[in-house]
Amino acid sequence: MAGESDAGSSRAGETDRISSLVALGGGHGLSASLRAGRIVADHVTAVVTVADDGGSSGRLRRELGILPPGDLRMALCALAADDDEHERLTRLFQHRYGGTGALAGHAVGNLVFAGLWELLGDPLEALEAVGSILGVTGRVLPMSPVALDIAAEVVGLEADPRVVRTIIGQVAVATTPGSVRRVRLIPSDPPAADGVVDAIERADAIILGPGSWFTSVIPNMLVPGIAAALARTSATKILILNLAPQPGETAGFSAEQHLHVLRQHAPEVDVDVVLVDPRMPLSGTEREHLDRAATGLGARVLTAEIAKTAADGTMRPVHDPVSLASALATVMSGTDA
């Protein structure tokens, strides 16, 4: 494919380390990026979506009026120290209570964050405190200091396929049987959290994705301060595509459509590299369309082995932090060009 390179054989340790890396997103996708980033970067900052309204996070958000802590907890655990003591603490923070009582379904780390916020009176101080407990190297920041909601324009929910309905809430958007066309944030003009814009402006590398496209990746770029910082930063911006469309919000999407949707929501934000795993089921024509869409973002497509088979017996591919780190190092060294 025109503009496509192969980085499957590169190793992260063969290049100089990245001084400062910022990864934006949420959930398991962001965790994979952070685990990769800590291998190749001296300092890693996570910028985390704060629109979750389901599960333990949604309950704590509604009951205590705090930022949904789940994605923040996962980012902190991804950056936690890996000695025996901190590994035990990380497992504790990720542990969920069972049963049917009031604590059922809550992650321990979510409750600790909620308690520290109440004690310290500030979410950023609470995140720093949790980071200290877990021996975090780097920093975890919410994309905004206020909890947000996602509203989506969806078609396919009525008999007439032209009818557009608005659905609100991260869980509702992620699980809709319709087709998402566009998303926005409520409130529509939220501030960026302290430290986020500065981290983006000082970064050498910025990672977008992988993750839920409409509920994790795009929302960061709907915060005006973050979008403006991404547009003006001189950092190398690397977009990591998902390994397959996500049932619900991007069902039926081609790889090319993911890029067009990104441009639609963040028209001023260019990207330097689009990372694609060769396991993605792309025909020759689809590869050409992806390359053309990447060019529209100012990017080139780099094919690299960045996935492995999940260990849960499903045989599904998942992003592999070690392989992803190797690809990031290759991008930053320029050896793939």
Protein backbone atom coordinates (compact mmCIF):
# COMPACT_ATOMS: atom_id res chain seq x y z
CA MET A 1 0.00 0.00 0.00
CA ALA A 2 1.26 3.48 -0.81
CA GLY A 3 2.64 5.27 2.23
CA GLU A 4 2.70 2.06 4.28
CA SER A 5 5.73 0.80 6.20
CA ASP A 6 6.51 -2.42 8.04
CA ALA A 7 7.83 -2.21 11.61
CA GLY A 8 7.17 -5.75 12.70
CA SER A 9 10.83 -6.55 13.38
CA SER A 10 11.79 -3.43 15.36
CA ARG A 11 12.64 -3.62 19.05
CA ALA A 12 11.94 -0.83 21.54
CA GLY A 13 15.38 -1.04 23.12
CA GLU A 14 17.22 -0.21 19.89
CA THR A 15 16.36 3.50 19.96
CA ASP A 16 16.71 6.42 22.32
CA ARG A 17 13.97 6.77 24.90
CA ILE A 18 11.16 9.28 24.51
CA SER A 19 11.49 12.10 27.02
CA SER A 20 7.79 12.88 27.52
CA LEU A 21 4.74 10.99 26.27
CA VAL A 22 1.04 11.80 26.68
CA ALA A 23 -1.70 9.23 26.07
CA LEU A 24 -5.36 10.23 25.80
CA GLY A 25 -8.38 7.94 26.12
CA GLY A 26 -9.96 5.61 28.62
CA GLY A 27 -10.58 2.02 29.60
CA HIS A 28 -8.51 -0.95 28.48
CA GLY A 29 -7.27 0.82 25.35
CA LEU A 30 -5.63 3.58 27.36
CA SER A 31 -4.16 1.02 29.76
CA ALA A 32 -2.43 -0.72 26.83
CA SER A 33 -1.02 2.59 25.59
CA LEU A 34 0.24 3.51 29.06
CA ARG A 35 1.91 0.13 29.62
CA ALA A 36 3.63 0.55 26.27
CA GLY A 37 4.53 4.17 26.97
CA ARG A 38 6.25 3.42 30.27
CA ILE A 39 8.59 1.01 28.43
CA VAL A 40 9.90 3.65 26.02
CA ALA A 41 9.32 7.01 27.74
CA ASP A 42 10.97 8.71 30.72
CA HIS A 43 7.73 10.43 31.73
CA VAL A 44 4.17 9.40 30.88
CA THR A 45 1.00 11.45 31.39
CA ALA A 46 -2.44 9.91 31.02
CA VAL A 47 -5.34 12.18 30.07
CA VAL A 48 -8.48 10.26 30.93
CA THR A 49 -12.09 10.62 29.83
CA VAL A 50 -14.57 11.45 32.62
CA ALA A 51 -17.93 10.58 31.09
CA ASP A 52 -18.50 7.06 32.45
CA ASP A 53 -21.99 6.66 33.88
CA GLY A 54 -22.18 2.90 34.37
CA GLY A 55 -21.27 0.36 37.02
CA SER A 56 -19.33 1.35 40.11
CA SER A 57 -18.15 4.62 38.52
CA GLY A 58 -21.67 5.70 37.65
CA ARG A 59 -22.98 4.88 41.13
CA LEU A 60 -20.24 6.86 42.88
CA ARG A 61 -20.63 9.73 40.45
CA ARG A 62 -24.36 9.98 41.13
CA GLU A 63 -24.20 9.37 44.88
CA LEU A 64 -21.14 11.50 45.74
CA GLY A 65 -20.98 14.01 42.91
CA ILE A 66 -17.40 13.04 42.01
CA LEU A 67 -15.61 12.32 38.76
CA PRO A 68 -16.23 8.74 37.63
CA PRO A 69 -13.17 6.97 39.03
CA GLY A 70 -13.02 3.73 37.02
CA ASP A 71 -10.94 4.82 34.02
CA LEU A 72 -8.73 6.93 36.28
CA ARG A 73 -8.12 3.87 38.48
CA MET A 74 -7.22 1.73 35.49
CA ALA A 75 -4.74 4.33 34.26
CA LEU A 76 -3.11 4.56 37.68
CA CYS A 77 -2.81 0.77 37.86
CA ALA A 78 -1.25 0.68 34.39
CA LEU A 79 1.50 3.04 35.60
CA ALA A 80 1.95 1.45 39.04
CA ALA A 81 5.33 0.16 40.21
CA ASP A 82 5.91 -3.51 39.38
CA ASP A 83 7.65 -4.72 42.56
CA ASP A 84 5.87 -7.35 44.66
CA GLU A 85 4.40 -4.93 47.20
CA HIS A 86 2.93 -2.57 44.62
CA GLU A 87 1.69 -5.43 42.46
CA ARG A 88 -0.35 -6.66 45.44
CA LEU A 89 -1.73 -3.17 45.97
CA THR A 90 -2.58 -2.92 42.27
CA ARG A 91 -4.50 -6.20 42.42
CA LEU A 92 -6.32 -4.89 45.49
CA PHE A 93 -7.28 -1.65 43.74
CA GLN A 94 -8.62 -3.63 40.77
CA HIS A 95 -10.55 -6.09 42.97
CA ARG A 96 -14.34 -5.85 42.84
CA TYR A 97 -16.61 -6.81 45.72
CA GLY A 98 -18.96 -9.70 45.00
CA GLY A 99 -22.28 -10.56 46.50
CA THR A 100 -25.49 -8.55 46.43
CA GLY A 101 -24.94 -5.98 49.18
CA ALA A 102 -24.25 -2.26 49.00
CA LEU A 103 -20.62 -2.81 48.02
CA ALA A 104 -21.34 -5.37 45.28
CA GLY A 105 -19.64 -4.41 42.03
CA HIS A 106 -17.54 -1.61 43.48
CA ALA A 107 -13.81 -1.71 42.74
CA VAL A 108 -11.68 -1.14 45.85
CA GLY A 109 -9.66 1.54 44.06
CA ASN A 110 -12.80 3.48 43.17
CA LEU A 111 -13.76 3.65 46.84
CA VAL A 112 -10.24 4.71 47.87
CA PHE A 113 -10.27 7.51 45.29
CA ALA A 114 -13.70 8.65 46.47
CA GLY A 115 -12.55 8.67 50.09
CA LEU A 116 -9.36 10.61 49.32
CA TRP A 117 -11.31 13.17 47.30
CA GLU A 118 -13.65 13.70 50.25
CA LEU A 119 -10.69 13.93 52.63
CA LEU A 120 -8.51 16.22 50.50
CA GLY A 121 -11.25 18.18 48.75
CA ASP A 122 -9.64 18.07 45.32
CA PRO A 123 -9.65 15.35 42.61
CA LEU A 124 -6.11 16.09 41.42
CA GLU A 125 -4.75 15.83 44.96
CA ALA A 126 -6.66 12.58 45.37
CA LEU A 127 -5.10 11.21 42.16
CA GLU A 128 -1.62 12.21 43.35
CA ALA A 129 -2.26 10.47 46.66
CA VAL A 130 -3.40 7.25 44.97
CA GLY A 131 -0.41 7.49 42.67
CA SER A 132 1.88 7.68 45.68
CA ILE A 133 0.25 4.60 47.21
CA LEU A 134 0.74 2.61 43.99
CA GLY A 135 4.24 3.89 43.25
CA VAL A 136 3.08 5.40 39.97
CA THR A 137 5.73 6.72 37.61
CA GLY A 138 4.19 9.51 35.58
CA ARG A 139 0.92 11.30 36.12
CA VAL A 140 -2.78 10.61 35.64
CA LEU A 141 -5.07 13.56 34.90
CA PRO A 142 -8.78 13.78 34.11
CA MET A 143 -9.50 15.49 30.81
CA SER A 144 -11.74 17.93 32.69
CA PRO A 145 -12.29 18.71 36.39
CA VAL A 146 -16.05 18.24 35.95
CA ALA A 147 -17.93 15.02 35.19
CA LEU A 148 -19.28 15.05 31.64
CA ASP A 149 -22.02 13.31 29.70
CA ILE A 150 -21.87 12.12 26.10
CA ALA A 151 -24.80 12.83 23.78
CA ALA A 152 -24.93 11.02 20.44
CA GLU A 153 -26.88 11.50 17.24
CA VAL A 154 -28.02 8.00 16.25
CA VAL A 155 -29.86 6.64 13.22
CA GLY A 156 -31.42 3.22 12.78
CA LEU A 157 -33.52 3.28 15.94
CA GLU A 158 -36.77 3.99 14.06
CA ALA A 159 -38.48 2.33 11.14
CA ASP A 160 -37.47 5.29 8.99
CA PRO A 161 -33.66 5.07 8.71
CA ARG A 162 -33.46 8.83 8.15
CA VAL A 163 -34.79 9.65 11.61
CA VAL A 164 -32.05 10.88 13.96
CA ARG A 165 -32.47 10.36 17.68
CA THR A 166 -30.31 11.78 20.46
CA ILE A 167 -29.25 9.39 23.20
CA ILE A 168 -27.35 10.49 26.30
CA GLY A 169 -24.88 8.62 28.47
CA GLN A 170 -21.69 6.67 27.84
CA VAL A 171 -23.28 3.28 28.44
CA ALA A 172 -26.26 4.10 26.19
CA VAL A 173 -23.98 5.28 23.38
CA ALA A 174 -21.60 2.33 23.68
CA THR A 175 -24.43 -0.21 23.52
CA THR A 176 -26.85 1.39 21.08
CA PRO A 177 -28.28 -0.92 18.41
CA GLY A 178 -28.33 2.07 16.06
CA SER A 179 -25.51 3.75 14.18
CA VAL A 180 -23.74 6.67 15.86
CA ARG A 181 -23.18 9.62 13.55
CA ARG A 182 -21.83 12.28 15.86
CA VAL A 183 -21.21 12.90 19.57
CA ARG A 184 -20.97 15.98 21.76
CA LEU A 185 -20.28 16.69 25.40
CA ILE A 186 -22.64 17.97 28.06
CA PRO A 187 -21.77 20.65 29.10
CA SER A 188 -20.58 21.60 25.62
CA ASP A 189 -17.64 23.81 26.57
CA PRO A 190 -15.89 22.10 29.50
CA PRO A 191 -12.53 23.32 30.77
CA ALA A 192 -9.44 21.15 30.55
CA ALA A 193 -8.10 19.99 33.91
CA ASP A 194 -5.07 21.75 35.32
CA GLY A 195 -1.87 20.38 33.85
CA VAL A 196 -3.41 18.79 30.74
CA VAL A 197 -2.66 21.53 28.22
CA ASP A 198 0.85 22.01 29.59
CA ALA A 199 1.54 18.27 29.32
CA ILE A 200 0.40 18.22 25.68
CA GLU A 201 2.48 21.27 24.80
CA ARG A 202 5.62 19.80 26.41
CA ALA A 203 5.21 16.27 25.00
CA ASP A 204 7.50 14.67 22.45
CA ALA A 205 4.91 12.03 21.57
CA ILE A 206 1.12 11.91 21.91
CA ILE A 207 -0.93 8.73 21.61
CA LEU A 208 -4.61 8.72 20.60
CA GLY A 209 -6.38 5.37 20.93
CA PRO A 210 -6.95 2.54 20.91
CA GLY A 211 -10.30 2.36 22.61
CA SER A 212 -14.01 3.01 22.22
CA TRP A 213 -14.03 5.56 19.42
CA PHE A 214 -17.07 7.66 20.34
CA THR A 215 -16.86 7.31 24.13
CA SER A 216 -13.11 7.22 24.89
CA VAL A 217 -11.01 8.52 21.99
CA ILE A 218 -13.06 11.37 20.51
CA PRO A 219 -14.36 12.95 23.78
CA ASN A 220 -10.89 14.25 24.72
CA MET A 221 -10.81 16.24 21.49
CA LEU A 222 -14.20 17.79 22.23
CA VAL A 223 -12.70 19.70 25.16
CA PRO A 224 -11.79 23.03 23.49
CA GLY A 225 -8.54 23.55 25.42
CA ILE A 226 -7.33 20.04 24.61
CA ALA A 227 -8.24 20.31 20.93
CA ALA A 228 -6.40 23.63 20.64
CA ALA A 229 -3.33 22.22 22.37
CA LEU A 230 -3.32 19.16 20.09
CA ALA A 231 -3.58 21.42 17.05
CA ARG A 232 -0.58 23.56 17.99
CA THR A 233 1.77 21.07 19.67
CA SER A 234 4.94 20.05 17.86
CA ALA A 235 4.76 16.54 19.35
CA THR A 236 4.56 13.48 17.11
CA LYS A 237 0.90 12.42 17.20
CA ILE A 238 0.29 8.69 16.84
CA LEU A 239 -3.20 7.31 16.28
CA ILE A 240 -3.59 3.62 17.16
CA LEU A 241 -6.50 1.98 15.38
CA ASN A 242 -8.63 -0.64 17.06
CA LEU A 243 -8.19 -4.23 15.95
CA ALA A 244 -11.86 -4.55 14.95
CA PRO A 245 -15.03 -2.43 14.98
CA GLN A 246 -16.67 -2.28 18.40
CA PRO A 247 -20.15 -3.83 18.66
CA GLY A 248 -22.53 -0.99 19.35
CA GLU A 249 -20.92 2.35 18.67
CA THR A 250 -18.78 1.47 15.61
CA ALA A 251 -20.40 -1.74 14.34
CA GLY A 252 -19.93 -1.95 10.59
CA PHE A 253 -17.30 0.81 10.50
CA SER A 254 -14.35 0.44 8.16
CA ALA A 255 -10.89 1.55 9.26
CA GLU A 256 -11.28 4.49 6.89
CA GLN A 257 -14.54 5.56 8.57
CA HIS A 258 -12.79 5.75 11.95
CA LEU A 259 -10.45 8.39 10.52
CA HIS A 260 -13.22 10.35 8.81
CA VAL A 261 -15.19 10.48 12.07
CA LEU A 262 -12.09 11.71 13.89
CA ARG A 263 -11.62 14.52 11.34
CA GLN A 264 -15.30 15.43 11.58
CA HIS A 265 -15.09 15.92 15.33
CA ALA A 266 -11.62 17.51 15.48
CA PRO A 267 -11.13 19.35 12.17
CA GLU A 268 -8.06 21.29 13.37
CA VAL A 269 -6.16 18.27 14.75
CA ASP A 270 -3.69 16.57 12.41
CA VAL A 271 -1.95 13.25 13.07
CA ASP A 272 1.53 12.11 12.04
CA VAL A 273 1.22 8.32 12.08
CA VAL A 274 -1.68 5.85 12.02
CA LEU A 275 -0.63 2.51 13.55
CA VAL A 276 -2.36 -0.59 12.16
CA ASP A 277 -1.86 -4.23 13.08
CA PRO A 278 -1.63 -6.64 10.12
CA ARG A 279 -4.32 -8.79 11.76
CA MET A 280 -6.93 -6.17 10.82
CA PRO A 281 -9.12 -7.73 8.10
CA LEU A 282 -8.47 -5.21 5.32
CA SER A 283 -8.87 -5.93 1.62
CA GLY A 284 -6.57 -4.27 -0.90
CA THR A 285 -9.22 -1.65 -1.66
CA GLU A 286 -9.83 -1.01 2.04
CA ARG A 287 -6.10 -0.47 2.54
CA GLU A 288 -6.06 2.10 -0.25
CA HIS A 289 -9.02 3.91 1.29
CA LEU A 290 -7.35 3.88 4.71
CA ASP A 291 -4.17 5.33 3.27
CA ARG A 292 -6.14 8.09 1.56
CA ALA A 293 -8.06 8.89 4.74
CA ALA A 294 -4.80 9.02 6.71
CA THR A 295 -3.38 11.48 4.19
CA GLY A 296 -6.41 13.67 4.90
CA LEU A 297 -5.27 13.78 8.54
CA GLY A 298 -1.72 14.62 7.49
CA ALA A 299 -0.61 11.12 8.47
CA ARG A 300 1.11 8.08 7.02
CA VAL A 301 0.01 4.54 7.78
CA LEU A 302 2.45 2.24 9.56
CA THR A 303 1.72 -1.47 9.71
CA ALA A 304 3.28 -3.08 12.79
CA GLU A 305 2.78 -6.19 14.90
CA ILE A 306 1.13 -4.53 17.90
CA ALA A 307 -1.27 -7.28 19.00
CA LYS A 308 -1.31 -10.75 20.47
CA THR A 309 -3.95 -13.39 21.17
CA ALA A 310 -5.88 -12.80 24.39
CA ALA A 311 -5.09 -15.15 27.26
CA ASP A 312 -8.77 -15.66 28.12
CA GLY A 313 -9.31 -18.51 25.68
CA THR A 314 -11.40 -16.48 23.22
CA MET A 315 -8.61 -16.32 20.60
CA ARG A 316 -9.43 -12.67 20.02
CA PRO A 317 -6.54 -10.29 19.35
CA VAL A 318 -5.68 -7.62 21.94
CA HIS A 319 -3.09 -4.86 21.88
CA ASP A 320 0.23 -6.03 23.31
CA PRO A 321 2.10 -3.35 25.31
CA VAL A 322 5.57 -4.76 24.52
CA SER A 323 4.94 -4.94 20.77
CA LEU A 324 3.24 -1.56 20.85
CA ALA A 325 6.24 -0.07 22.67
CA SER A 326 8.51 -1.39 19.91
CA ALA A 327 6.35 0.26 17.27
CA LEU A 328 6.30 3.57 19.18
CA ALA A 329 10.08 3.53 19.45
CA THR A 330 10.35 2.86 15.74
CA VAL A 331 8.05 5.79 14.92
CA MET A 332 9.99 8.17 17.13
CA SER A 333 13.37 7.06 15.75
CA GLY A 334 12.19 7.60 12.18
CA THR A 335 13.61 4.24 11.10
CA ASP A 336 10.32 3.17 9.51
CA ALA A 337 10.22 6.04 7.01
